PDB file of N, CA and C in Angstrom:
ATOM      1  N   MET A   1      89.458 103.937  68.491  1.00  0.00           N
ATOM      2  CA  MET A   1      90.816 103.643  68.926  1.00  0.00           C
ATOM      3  C   MET A   1      90.768 102.643  70.065  1.00  0.00           C
ATOM      4  N   CYS A   2      91.648 101.702  70.024  1.00  0.00           N
ATOM      5  CA  CYS A   2      91.730 100.703  71.084  1.00  0.00           C
ATOM      6  C   CYS A   2      92.553 101.267  72.233  1.00  0.00           C
ATOM      7  N   CYS A   3      92.172 100.896  73.438  1.00  0.00           N
ATOM      8  CA  CYS A   3      92.783 101.558  74.580  1.00  0.00           C
ATOM      9  C   CYS A   3      93.645 100.657  75.436  1.00  0.00           C
ATOM     10  N   TRP A   4      93.644  99.360  75.188  1.00  0.00           N
ATOM     11  CA  TRP A   4      94.504  98.512  75.999  1.00  0.00           C
ATOM     12  C   TRP A   4      94.778  97.219  75.275  1.00  0.00           C
ATOM     13  N   ILE A   5      95.771  96.539  75.743  1.00  0.00           N
ATOM     14  CA  ILE A   5      96.196  95.275  75.156  1.00  0.00           C
ATOM     15  C   ILE A   5      96.169  94.225  76.254  1.00  0.00           C
ATOM     16  N   LEU A   6      95.594  93.095  75.961  1.00  0.00           N
ATOM     17  CA  LEU A   6      95.600  91.985  76.903  1.00  0.00           C
ATOM     18  C   LEU A   6      96.220  90.795  76.207  1.00  0.00           C
ATOM     19  N   GLN A   7      97.191  90.206  76.837  1.00  0.00           N
ATOM     20  CA  GLN A   7      97.814  89.010  76.280  1.00  0.00           C
ATOM     21  C   GLN A   7      97.967  88.015  77.417  1.00  0.00           C
ATOM     22  N   ALA A   8      97.388  86.854  77.265  1.00  0.00           N
ATOM     23  CA  ALA A   8      97.509  85.812  78.286  1.00  0.00           C
ATOM     24  C   ALA A   8      98.328  84.670  77.722  1.00  0.00           C
ATOM     25  N   ARG A   9      99.214  84.146  78.540  1.00  0.00           N
ATOM     26  CA  ARG A   9     100.039  83.010  78.133  1.00  0.00           C
ATOM     27  C   ARG A   9      99.727  81.836  79.052  1.00  0.00           C
ATOM     28  N   SER A  10      99.711  80.684  78.483  1.00  0.00           N
ATOM     29  CA  SER A  10      99.516  79.484  79.297  1.00  0.00           C
ATOM     30  C   SER A  10     100.803  79.200  80.061  1.00  0.00           C
ATOM     31  N   GLY A  11     100.789  78.178  80.883  1.00  0.00           N
ATOM     32  CA  GLY A  11     101.974  77.809  81.654  1.00  0.00           C
ATOM     33  C   GLY A  11     103.175  77.570  80.770  1.00  0.00           C
ATOM     34  N   SER A  12     102.946  77.119  79.570  1.00  0.00           N
ATOM     35  CA  SER A  12     104.025  76.953  78.604  1.00  0.00           C
ATOM     36  C   SER A  12     104.292  78.294  77.948  1.00  0.00           C
ATOM     37  N   ARG A  13     105.515  78.730  77.992  1.00  0.00           N
ATOM     38  CA  ARG A  13     105.863  80.017  77.413  1.00  0.00           C
ATOM     39  C   ARG A  13     106.007  79.946  75.899  1.00  0.00           C
ATOM     40  N   ALA A  14     105.809  78.773  75.327  1.00  0.00           N
ATOM     41  CA  ALA A  14     106.055  78.592  73.895  1.00  0.00           C
ATOM     42  C   ALA A  14     105.156  79.456  73.024  1.00  0.00           C
ATOM     43  N   GLY A  15     103.897  79.585  73.388  1.00  0.00           N
ATOM     44  CA  GLY A  15     103.026  80.334  72.490  1.00  0.00           C
ATOM     45  C   GLY A  15     101.949  81.091  73.226  1.00  0.00           C
ATOM     46  N   PRO A  16     101.746  82.343  72.882  1.00  0.00           N
ATOM     47  CA  PRO A  16     100.696  83.123  73.536  1.00  0.00           C
ATOM     48  C   PRO A  16      99.323  82.783  72.969  1.00  0.00           C
ATOM     49  N   PHE A  17      98.328  83.015  73.783  1.00  0.00           N
ATOM     50  CA  PHE A  17      96.968  83.028  73.269  1.00  0.00           C
ATOM     51  C   PHE A  17      96.871  84.245  72.360  1.00  0.00           C
ATOM     52  N   PRO A  18      95.833  84.353  71.565  1.00  0.00           N
ATOM     53  CA  PRO A  18      95.767  85.485  70.634  1.00  0.00           C
ATOM     54  C   PRO A  18      95.917  86.823  71.348  1.00  0.00           C
ATOM     55  N   ARG A  19      96.740  87.664  70.799  1.00  0.00           N
ATOM     56  CA  ARG A  19      96.888  89.016  71.324  1.00  0.00           C
ATOM     57  C   ARG A  19      95.638  89.774  70.931  1.00  0.00           C
ATOM     58  N   MET A  20      95.085  90.519  71.865  1.00  0.00           N
ATOM     59  CA  MET A  20      93.794  91.140  71.594  1.00  0.00           C
ATOM     60  C   MET A  20      93.914  92.652  71.633  1.00  0.00           C
ATOM     61  N   PHE A  21      93.370  93.287  70.656  1.00  0.00           N
ATOM     62  CA  PHE A  21      93.275  94.733  70.601  1.00  0.00           C
ATOM     63  C   PHE A  21      91.784  95.041  70.563  1.00  0.00           C
ATOM     64  N   PRO A  22      91.105  94.968  71.724  1.00  0.00           N
ATOM     65  CA  PRO A  22      89.650  94.957  71.718  1.00  0.00           C
ATOM     66  C   PRO A  22      89.025  96.325  71.502  1.00  0.00           C
ATOM     67  N   CYS A  23      88.646  96.593  70.280  1.00  0.00           N
ATOM     68  CA  CYS A  23      87.856  97.791  70.035  1.00  0.00           C
ATOM     69  C   CYS A  23      86.454  97.551  70.571  1.00  0.00           C
ATOM     70  N   SER A  24      86.034  96.313  70.609  1.00  0.00           N
ATOM     71  CA  SER A  24      84.783  95.925  71.252  1.00  0.00           C
ATOM     72  C   SER A  24      85.152  95.248  72.561  1.00  0.00           C
ATOM     73  N   MET A  25      85.018  95.968  73.657  1.00  0.00           N
ATOM     74  CA  MET A  25      85.464  95.439  74.938  1.00  0.00           C
ATOM     75  C   MET A  25      84.693  94.206  75.360  1.00  0.00           C
ATOM     76  N   MET A  26      83.418  94.117  75.028  1.00  0.00           N
ATOM     77  CA  MET A  26      82.648  92.951  75.434  1.00  0.00           C
ATOM     78  C   MET A  26      83.198  91.681  74.791  1.00  0.00           C
ATOM     79  N   THR A  27      83.715  91.780  73.580  1.00  0.00           N
ATOM     80  CA  THR A  27      84.307  90.616  72.934  1.00  0.00           C
ATOM     81  C   THR A  27      85.457  90.077  73.772  1.00  0.00           C
ATOM     82  N   SER A  28      86.314  90.951  74.258  1.00  0.00           N
ATOM     83  CA  SER A  28      87.444  90.495  75.062  1.00  0.00           C
ATOM     84  C   SER A  28      86.991  90.000  76.430  1.00  0.00           C
ATOM     85  N   LEU A  29      85.955  90.606  76.999  1.00  0.00           N
ATOM     86  CA  LEU A  29      85.450  90.114  78.278  1.00  0.00           C
ATOM     87  C   LEU A  29      84.865  88.718  78.097  1.00  0.00           C
ATOM     88  N   ASP A  30      84.147  88.496  77.008  1.00  0.00           N
ATOM     89  CA  ASP A  30      83.626  87.157  76.714  1.00  0.00           C
ATOM     90  C   ASP A  30      84.773  86.157  76.605  1.00  0.00           C
ATOM     91  N   TRP A  31      85.863  86.574  75.977  1.00  0.00           N
ATOM     92  CA  TRP A  31      87.031  85.706  75.834  1.00  0.00           C
ATOM     93  C   TRP A  31      87.601  85.350  77.206  1.00  0.00           C
ATOM     94  N   VAL A  32      87.713  86.331  78.088  1.00  0.00           N
ATOM     95  CA  VAL A  32      88.260  86.087  79.425  1.00  0.00           C
ATOM     96  C   VAL A  32      87.324  85.179  80.220  1.00  0.00           C
ATOM     97  N   ILE A  33      86.021  85.378  80.094  1.00  0.00           N
ATOM     98  CA  ILE A  33      85.061  84.519  80.797  1.00  0.00           C
ATOM     99  C   ILE A  33      85.221  83.072  80.339  1.00  0.00           C
ATOM    100  N   ALA A  34      85.315  82.869  79.031  1.00  0.00           N
ATOM    101  CA  ALA A  34      85.498  81.516  78.501  1.00  0.00           C
ATOM    102  C   ALA A  34      86.834  80.938  78.958  1.00  0.00           C
ATOM    103  N   TYR A  35      87.875  81.739  78.926  1.00  0.00           N
ATOM    104  CA  TYR A  35      89.208  81.294  79.344  1.00  0.00           C
ATOM    105  C   TYR A  35      89.194  80.893  80.816  1.00  0.00           C
ATOM    106  N   ALA A  36      88.550  81.708  81.649  1.00  0.00           N
ATOM    107  CA  ALA A  36      88.535  81.463  83.092  1.00  0.00           C
ATOM    108  C   ALA A  36      87.740  80.212  83.458  1.00  0.00           C
ATOM    109  N   SER A  37      86.868  79.761  82.575  1.00  0.00           N
ATOM    110  CA  SER A  37      86.074  78.570  82.880  1.00  0.00           C
ATOM    111  C   SER A  37      86.914  77.293  82.824  1.00  0.00           C
ATOM    112  N   ALA A  38      88.025  77.321  82.110  1.00  0.00           N
ATOM    113  CA  ALA A  38      88.894  76.139  82.020  1.00  0.00           C
ATOM    114  C   ALA A  38      90.333  76.570  81.755  1.00  0.00           C
ATOM    115  N   PRO A  39      90.937  77.289  82.719  1.00  0.00           N
ATOM    116  CA  PRO A  39      92.298  77.791  82.493  1.00  0.00           C
ATOM    117  C   PRO A  39      93.340  76.694  82.669  1.00  0.00           C
ATOM    118  N   PRO A  40      94.531  76.890  82.088  1.00  0.00           N
ATOM    119  CA  PRO A  40      95.632  75.980  82.389  1.00  0.00           C
ATOM    120  C   PRO A  40      96.087  76.223  83.832  1.00  0.00           C
ATOM    121  N   GLN A  41      96.958  75.391  84.339  1.00  0.00           N
ATOM    122  CA  GLN A  41      97.410  75.526  85.724  1.00  0.00           C
ATOM    123  C   GLN A  41      98.074  76.877  85.983  1.00  0.00           C
ATOM    124  N   SER A  42      98.736  77.413  84.983  1.00  0.00           N
ATOM    125  CA  SER A  42      99.453  78.670  85.153  1.00  0.00           C
ATOM    126  C   SER A  42      99.054  79.651  84.054  1.00  0.00           C
ATOM    127  N   THR A  43      98.736  80.865  84.459  1.00  0.00           N
ATOM    128  CA  THR A  43      98.341  81.903  83.513  1.00  0.00           C
ATOM    129  C   THR A  43      99.115  83.173  83.821  1.00  0.00           C
ATOM    130  N   GLU A  44      99.635  83.795  82.784  1.00  0.00           N
ATOM    131  CA  GLU A  44     100.296  85.088  82.919  1.00  0.00           C
ATOM    132  C   GLU A  44      99.579  86.065  82.005  1.00  0.00           C
ATOM    133  N   VAL A  45      99.186  87.198  82.555  1.00  0.00           N
ATOM    134  CA  VAL A  45      98.438  88.206  81.811  1.00  0.00           C
ATOM    135  C   VAL A  45      99.229  89.503  81.812  1.00  0.00           C
ATOM    136  N   ASP A  46      99.445  90.059  80.623  1.00  0.00           N
ATOM    137  CA  ASP A  46     100.059  91.380  80.486  1.00  0.00           C
ATOM    138  C   ASP A  46      98.960  92.359  80.121  1.00  0.00           C
ATOM    139  N   ILE A  47      98.856  93.427  80.884  1.00  0.00           N
ATOM    140  CA  ILE A  47      97.883  94.475  80.590  1.00  0.00           C
ATOM    141  C   ILE A  47      98.662  95.756  80.354  1.00  0.00           C
ATOM    142  N   GLU A  48      98.464  96.321  79.181  1.00  0.00           N
ATOM    143  CA  GLU A  48      99.130  97.570  78.818  1.00  0.00           C
ATOM    144  C   GLU A  48      98.067  98.532  78.315  1.00  0.00           C
ATOM    145  N   MET A  49      97.948  99.660  78.987  1.00  0.00           N
ATOM    146  CA  MET A  49      96.912 100.628  78.633  1.00  0.00           C
ATOM    147  C   MET A  49      97.546 101.879  78.056  1.00  0.00           C
ATOM    148  N   GLU A  50      96.943 102.380  76.999  1.00  0.00           N
ATOM    149  CA  GLU A  50      97.407 103.628  76.405  1.00  0.00           C
ATOM    150  C   GLU A  50      96.736 104.823  77.069  1.00  0.00           C
ATOM    151  N   TYR A  51      95.486 104.647  77.451  1.00  0.00           N
ATOM    152  CA  TYR A  51      94.767 105.689  78.177  1.00  0.00           C
ATOM    153  C   TYR A  51      93.666 105.032  78.981  1.00  0.00           C
ATOM    154  N   LEU A  52      93.093 105.787  79.886  1.00  0.00           N
ATOM    155  CA  LEU A  52      92.070 105.256  80.773  1.00  0.00           C
ATOM    156  C   LEU A  52      90.997 106.312  80.956  1.00  0.00           C
ATOM    157  N   ASN A  53      89.752 105.915  80.740  1.00  0.00           N
ATOM    158  CA  ASN A  53      88.638 106.812  81.027  1.00  0.00           C
ATOM    159  C   ASN A  53      87.649 106.059  81.908  1.00  0.00           C
ATOM    160  N   SER A  54      86.516 106.669  82.239  1.00  0.00           N
ATOM    161  CA  SER A  54      85.588 106.021  83.170  1.00  0.00           C
ATOM    162  C   SER A  54      85.038 104.716  82.608  1.00  0.00           C
ATOM    163  N   GLY A  55      84.778 104.669  81.308  1.00  0.00           N
ATOM    164  CA  GLY A  55      84.259 103.443  80.703  1.00  0.00           C
ATOM    165  C   GLY A  55      85.259 102.306  80.740  1.00  0.00           C
ATOM    166  N   THR A  56      86.500 102.597  80.345  1.00  0.00           N
ATOM    167  CA  THR A  56      87.514 101.540  80.351  1.00  0.00           C
ATOM    168  C   THR A  56      87.889 101.147  81.779  1.00  0.00           C
ATOM    169  N   SER A  57      87.794 102.098  82.698  1.00  0.00           N
ATOM    170  CA  SER A  57      88.099 101.800  84.089  1.00  0.00           C
ATOM    171  C   SER A  57      87.096 100.795  84.661  1.00  0.00           C
ATOM    172  N   LYS A  58      85.813 101.017  84.403  1.00  0.00           N
ATOM    173  CA  LYS A  58      84.782 100.083  84.878  1.00  0.00           C
ATOM    174  C   LYS A  58      84.961  98.716  84.226  1.00  0.00           C
ATOM    175  N   TYR A  59      85.257  98.730  82.952  1.00  0.00           N
ATOM    176  CA  TYR A  59      85.447  97.487  82.224  1.00  0.00           C
ATOM    177  C   TYR A  59      86.655  96.711  82.764  1.00  0.00           C
ATOM    178  N   MET A  60      87.745  97.406  83.006  1.00  0.00           N
ATOM    179  CA  MET A  60      88.951  96.752  83.513  1.00  0.00           C
ATOM    180  C   MET A  60      88.684  96.126  84.879  1.00  0.00           C
ATOM    181  N   LEU A  61      87.892  96.790  85.696  1.00  0.00           N
ATOM    182  CA  LEU A  61      87.536  96.234  86.997  1.00  0.00           C
ATOM    183  C   LEU A  61      86.775  94.919  86.820  1.00  0.00           C
ATOM    184  N   ARG A  62      85.835  94.878  85.888  1.00  0.00           N
ATOM    185  CA  ARG A  62      85.089  93.638  85.614  1.00  0.00           C
ATOM    186  C   ARG A  62      86.031  92.534  85.143  1.00  0.00           C
ATOM    187  N   LEU A  63      86.943  92.888  84.263  1.00  0.00           N
ATOM    188  CA  LEU A  63      87.876  91.910  83.724  1.00  0.00           C
ATOM    189  C   LEU A  63      88.781  91.352  84.829  1.00  0.00           C
ATOM    190  N   LEU A  64      89.305  92.232  85.670  1.00  0.00           N
ATOM    191  CA  LEU A  64      90.189  91.788  86.751  1.00  0.00           C
ATOM    192  C   LEU A  64      89.440  90.948  87.785  1.00  0.00           C
ATOM    193  N   ARG A  65      88.177  91.278  88.025  1.00  0.00           N
ATOM    194  CA  ARG A  65      87.376  90.448  88.934  1.00  0.00           C
ATOM    195  C   ARG A  65      87.252  89.026  88.389  1.00  0.00           C
ATOM    196  N   LYS A  66      87.054  88.908  87.084  1.00  0.00           N
ATOM    197  CA  LYS A  66      86.948  87.592  86.461  1.00  0.00           C
ATOM    198  C   LYS A  66      88.284  86.850  86.569  1.00  0.00           C
ATOM    199  N   LEU A  67      89.384  87.550  86.351  1.00  0.00           N
ATOM    200  CA  LEU A  67      90.693  86.916  86.500  1.00  0.00           C
ATOM    201  C   LEU A  67      90.949  86.511  87.949  1.00  0.00           C
ATOM    202  N   LYS A  68      90.426  87.271  88.886  1.00  0.00           N
ATOM    203  CA  LYS A  68      90.567  86.946  90.310  1.00  0.00           C
ATOM    204  C   LYS A  68      89.960  85.576  90.605  1.00  0.00           C
ATOM    205  N   GLU A  69      88.883  85.229  89.888  1.00  0.00           N
ATOM    206  CA  GLU A  69      88.272  83.911  90.066  1.00  0.00           C
ATOM    207  C   GLU A  69      89.261  82.800  89.718  1.00  0.00           C
ATOM    208  N   VAL A  70      90.066  83.016  88.695  1.00  0.00           N
ATOM    209  CA  VAL A  70      91.093  82.036  88.320  1.00  0.00           C
ATOM    210  C   VAL A  70      92.060  81.862  89.485  1.00  0.00           C
ATOM    211  N   ASP A  71      92.472  82.982  90.073  1.00  0.00           N
ATOM    212  CA  ASP A  71      93.390  82.955  91.213  1.00  0.00           C
ATOM    213  C   ASP A  71      92.739  82.257  92.404  1.00  0.00           C
ATOM    214  N   ASN A  72      91.479  82.565  92.673  1.00  0.00           N
ATOM    215  CA  ASN A  72      90.770  81.979  93.814  1.00  0.00           C
ATOM    216  C   ASN A  72      90.526  80.485  93.653  1.00  0.00           C
ATOM    217  N   ASP A  73      90.469  80.015  92.415  1.00  0.00           N
ATOM    218  CA  ASP A  73      90.214  78.597  92.166  1.00  0.00           C
ATOM    219  C   ASP A  73      91.473  77.741  92.295  1.00  0.00           C
ATOM    220  N   GLY A  74      92.576  78.339  92.716  1.00  0.00           N
ATOM    221  CA  GLY A  74      93.790  77.574  92.969  1.00  0.00           C
ATOM    222  C   GLY A  74      94.762  77.488  91.807  1.00  0.00           C
ATOM    223  N   TYR A  75      94.490  78.199  90.742  1.00  0.00           N
ATOM    224  CA  TYR A  75      95.412  78.231  89.610  1.00  0.00           C
ATOM    225  C   TYR A  75      96.448  79.320  89.846  1.00  0.00           C
ATOM    226  N   ASP A  76      97.615  79.165  89.235  1.00  0.00           N
ATOM    227  CA  ASP A  76      98.655  80.182  89.346  1.00  0.00           C
ATOM    228  C   ASP A  76      98.317  81.322  88.395  1.00  0.00           C
ATOM    229  N   LEU A  77      98.229  82.526  88.917  1.00  0.00           N
ATOM    230  CA  LEU A  77      97.905  83.698  88.112  1.00  0.00           C
ATOM    231  C   LEU A  77      98.957  84.764  88.341  1.00  0.00           C
ATOM    232  N   LYS A  78      99.525  85.254  87.257  1.00  0.00           N
ATOM    233  CA  LYS A  78     100.487  86.350  87.322  1.00  0.00           C
ATOM    234  C   LYS A  78      99.954  87.468  86.432  1.00  0.00           C
ATOM    235  N   ILE A  79      99.778  88.644  87.012  1.00  0.00           N
ATOM    236  CA  ILE A  79      99.296  89.801  86.257  1.00  0.00           C
ATOM    237  C   ILE A  79     100.403  90.838  86.209  1.00  0.00           C
ATOM    238  N   ASN A  80     100.766  91.242  85.008  1.00  0.00           N
ATOM    239  CA  ASN A  80     101.754  92.299  84.783  1.00  0.00           C
ATOM    240  C   ASN A  80     101.023  93.535  84.285  1.00  0.00           C
ATOM    241  N   TRP A  81     101.152  94.619  85.009  1.00  0.00           N
ATOM    242  CA  TRP A  81     100.523  95.891  84.655  1.00  0.00           C
ATOM    243  C   TRP A  81     101.629  96.768  84.063  1.00  0.00           C
ATOM    244  N   VAL A  82     101.623  96.914  82.764  1.00  0.00           N
ATOM    245  CA  VAL A  82     102.677  97.636  82.056  1.00  0.00           C
ATOM    246  C   VAL A  82     102.214  99.072  81.825  1.00  0.00           C
ATOM    247  N   TYR A  83     103.060 100.028  82.204  1.00  0.00           N
ATOM    248  CA  TYR A  83     102.704 101.439  82.037  1.00  0.00           C
ATOM    249  C   TYR A  83     103.933 102.216  81.580  1.00  0.00           C
ATOM    250  N   GLU A  84     103.671 103.316  80.903  1.00  0.00           N
ATOM    251  CA  GLU A  84     104.769 104.138  80.401  1.00  0.00           C
ATOM    252  C   GLU A  84     105.369 104.987  81.510  1.00  0.00           C
ATOM    253  N   GLU A  85     106.660 105.198  81.408  1.00  0.00           N
ATOM    254  CA  GLU A  85     107.387 106.032  82.361  1.00  0.00           C
ATOM    255  C   GLU A  85     106.674 107.371  82.523  1.00  0.00           C
ATOM    256  N   GLY A  86     106.407 107.744  83.762  1.00  0.00           N
ATOM    257  CA  GLY A  86     105.778 109.017  84.051  1.00  0.00           C
ATOM    258  C   GLY A  86     104.258 109.019  83.965  1.00  0.00           C
ATOM    259  N   ASP A  87     103.647 107.913  83.589  1.00  0.00           N
ATOM    260  CA  ASP A  87     102.186 107.852  83.481  1.00  0.00           C
ATOM    261  C   ASP A  87     101.606 107.434  84.831  1.00  0.00           C
ATOM    262  N   ASP A  88     101.576 108.393  85.742  1.00  0.00           N
ATOM    263  CA  ASP A  88     101.130 108.116  87.100  1.00  0.00           C
ATOM    264  C   ASP A  88      99.664 107.712  87.171  1.00  0.00           C
ATOM    265  N   ASP A  89      98.832 108.226  86.269  1.00  0.00           N
ATOM    266  CA  ASP A  89      97.409 107.877  86.286  1.00  0.00           C
ATOM    267  C   ASP A  89      97.201 106.381  86.064  1.00  0.00           C
ATOM    268  N   ILE A  90      97.868 105.832  85.064  1.00  0.00           N
ATOM    269  CA  ILE A  90      97.730 104.406  84.771  1.00  0.00           C
ATOM    270  C   ILE A  90      98.316 103.570  85.914  1.00  0.00           C
ATOM    271  N   LEU A  91      99.473 103.969  86.433  1.00  0.00           N
ATOM    272  CA  LEU A  91     100.084 103.260  87.557  1.00  0.00           C
ATOM    273  C   LEU A  91      99.154 103.267  88.769  1.00  0.00           C
ATOM    274  N   GLU A  92      98.653 104.438  89.140  1.00  0.00           N
ATOM    275  CA  GLU A  92      97.798 104.551  90.321  1.00  0.00           C
ATOM    276  C   GLU A  92      96.504 103.767  90.165  1.00  0.00           C
ATOM    277  N   ARG A  93      95.966 103.721  88.964  1.00  0.00           N
ATOM    278  CA  ARG A  93      94.746 102.943  88.741  1.00  0.00           C
ATOM    279  C   ARG A  93      95.044 101.456  88.955  1.00  0.00           C
ATOM    280  N   GLY A  94      96.168 100.991  88.463  1.00  0.00           N
ATOM    281  CA  GLY A  94      96.551  99.597  88.687  1.00  0.00           C
ATOM    282  C   GLY A  94      96.740  99.290  90.166  1.00  0.00           C
ATOM    283  N   GLU A  95      97.360 100.212  90.888  1.00  0.00           N
ATOM    284  CA  GLU A  95      97.548 100.028  92.330  1.00  0.00           C
ATOM    285  C   GLU A  95      96.199  99.983  93.048  1.00  0.00           C
ATOM    286  N   TYR A  96      95.275 100.805  92.587  1.00  0.00           N
ATOM    287  CA  TYR A  96      93.926 100.818  93.158  1.00  0.00           C
ATOM    288  C   TYR A  96      93.247  99.464  92.948  1.00  0.00           C
ATOM    289  N   TYR A  97      93.300  98.946  91.723  1.00  0.00           N
ATOM    290  CA  TYR A  97      92.702  97.640  91.446  1.00  0.00           C
ATOM    291  C   TYR A  97      93.334  96.555  92.313  1.00  0.00           C
ATOM    292  N   ALA A  98      94.650  96.572  92.416  1.00  0.00           N
ATOM    293  CA  ALA A  98      95.346  95.572  93.227  1.00  0.00           C
ATOM    294  C   ALA A  98      94.856  95.621  94.671  1.00  0.00           C
ATOM    295  N   SER A  99      94.640  96.829  95.173  1.00  0.00           N
ATOM    296  CA  SER A  99      94.211  97.016  96.549  1.00  0.00           C
ATOM    297  C   SER A  99      92.780  96.525  96.781  1.00  0.00           C
ATOM    298  N   ILE A 100      91.852  96.969  95.953  1.00  0.00           N
ATOM    299  CA  ILE A 100      90.447  96.626  96.216  1.00  0.00           C
ATOM    300  C   ILE A 100      90.119  95.174  95.886  1.00  0.00           C
ATOM    301  N   LEU A 101      90.878  94.571  94.978  1.00  0.00           N
ATOM    302  CA  LEU A 101      90.612  93.183  94.598  1.00  0.00           C
ATOM    303  C   LEU A 101      91.536  92.193  95.303  1.00  0.00           C
ATOM    304  N   ASP A 102      92.463  92.714  96.101  1.00  0.00           N
ATOM    305  CA  ASP A 102      93.459  91.876  96.771  1.00  0.00           C
ATOM    306  C   ASP A 102      94.175  90.978  95.760  1.00  0.00           C
ATOM    307  N   LEU A 103      94.656  91.617  94.695  1.00  0.00           N
ATOM    308  CA  LEU A 103      95.393  90.926  93.637  1.00  0.00           C
ATOM    309  C   LEU A 103      96.867  91.276  93.727  1.00  0.00           C
ATOM    310  N   ASP A 104      97.699  90.303  93.470  1.00  0.00           N
ATOM    311  CA  ASP A 104      99.135  90.542  93.391  1.00  0.00           C
ATOM    312  C   ASP A 104      99.446  90.927  91.949  1.00  0.00           C
ATOM    313  N   ILE A 105      99.702  92.199  91.716  1.00  0.00           N
ATOM    314  CA  ILE A 105      99.974  92.705  90.372  1.00  0.00           C
ATOM    315  C   ILE A 105     101.413  93.194  90.320  1.00  0.00           C
ATOM    316  N   ASN A 106     102.130  92.787  89.286  1.00  0.00           N
ATOM    317  CA  ASN A 106     103.495  93.262  89.051  1.00  0.00           C
ATOM    318  C   ASN A 106     103.418  94.521  88.203  1.00  0.00           C
ATOM    319  N   PHE A 107     104.009  95.591  88.673  1.00  0.00           N
ATOM    320  CA  PHE A 107     103.990  96.852  87.936  1.00  0.00           C
ATOM    321  C   PHE A 107     105.305  97.002  87.183  1.00  0.00           C
ATOM    322  N   ILE A 108     105.184  97.174  85.877  1.00  0.00           N
ATOM    323  CA  ILE A 108     106.356  97.222  85.005  1.00  0.00           C
ATOM    324  C   ILE A 108     106.354  98.542  84.251  1.00  0.00           C
ATOM    325  N   GLU A 109     107.360  99.365  84.534  1.00  0.00           N
ATOM    326  CA  GLU A 109     107.487 100.661  83.860  1.00  0.00           C
ATOM    327  C   GLU A 109     108.329 100.502  82.598  1.00  0.00           C
ATOM    328  N   ILE A 110     107.843 101.068  81.497  1.00  0.00           N
ATOM    329  CA  ILE A 110     108.591 101.044  80.239  1.00  0.00           C
ATOM    330  C   ILE A 110     108.815 102.470  79.767  1.00  0.00           C
ATOM    331  N   GLU A 111     109.809 102.645  78.902  1.00  0.00           N
ATOM    332  CA  GLU A 111     110.100 103.985  78.366  1.00  0.00           C
ATOM    333  C   GLU A 111     109.249 104.269  77.162  1.00  0.00           C
TER     334      GLU A 111
END
């Protein structure tokens, strides 16, 4: 079962990069590494998690660190952390990542 969705959009809102349902997390991390090596001026990332365990938590930290490099290199980076209403675990984990990585993350609650 896939545990999260990552969708990145370039500065142009016309078309998203491929929506990823990474059953193989390393595949998506490789994609983010390649993307971060030559990003457009503006990047928006939506992260939506269905569940979180220790493995996905460590992986998400690696992924966010890589995205932080995009932010540090002077590109515009917007991260949206989407979580279900009442899912405090997912919300708190996102807040934790924002804190330790000094990332500006938008928290979006959905029903």
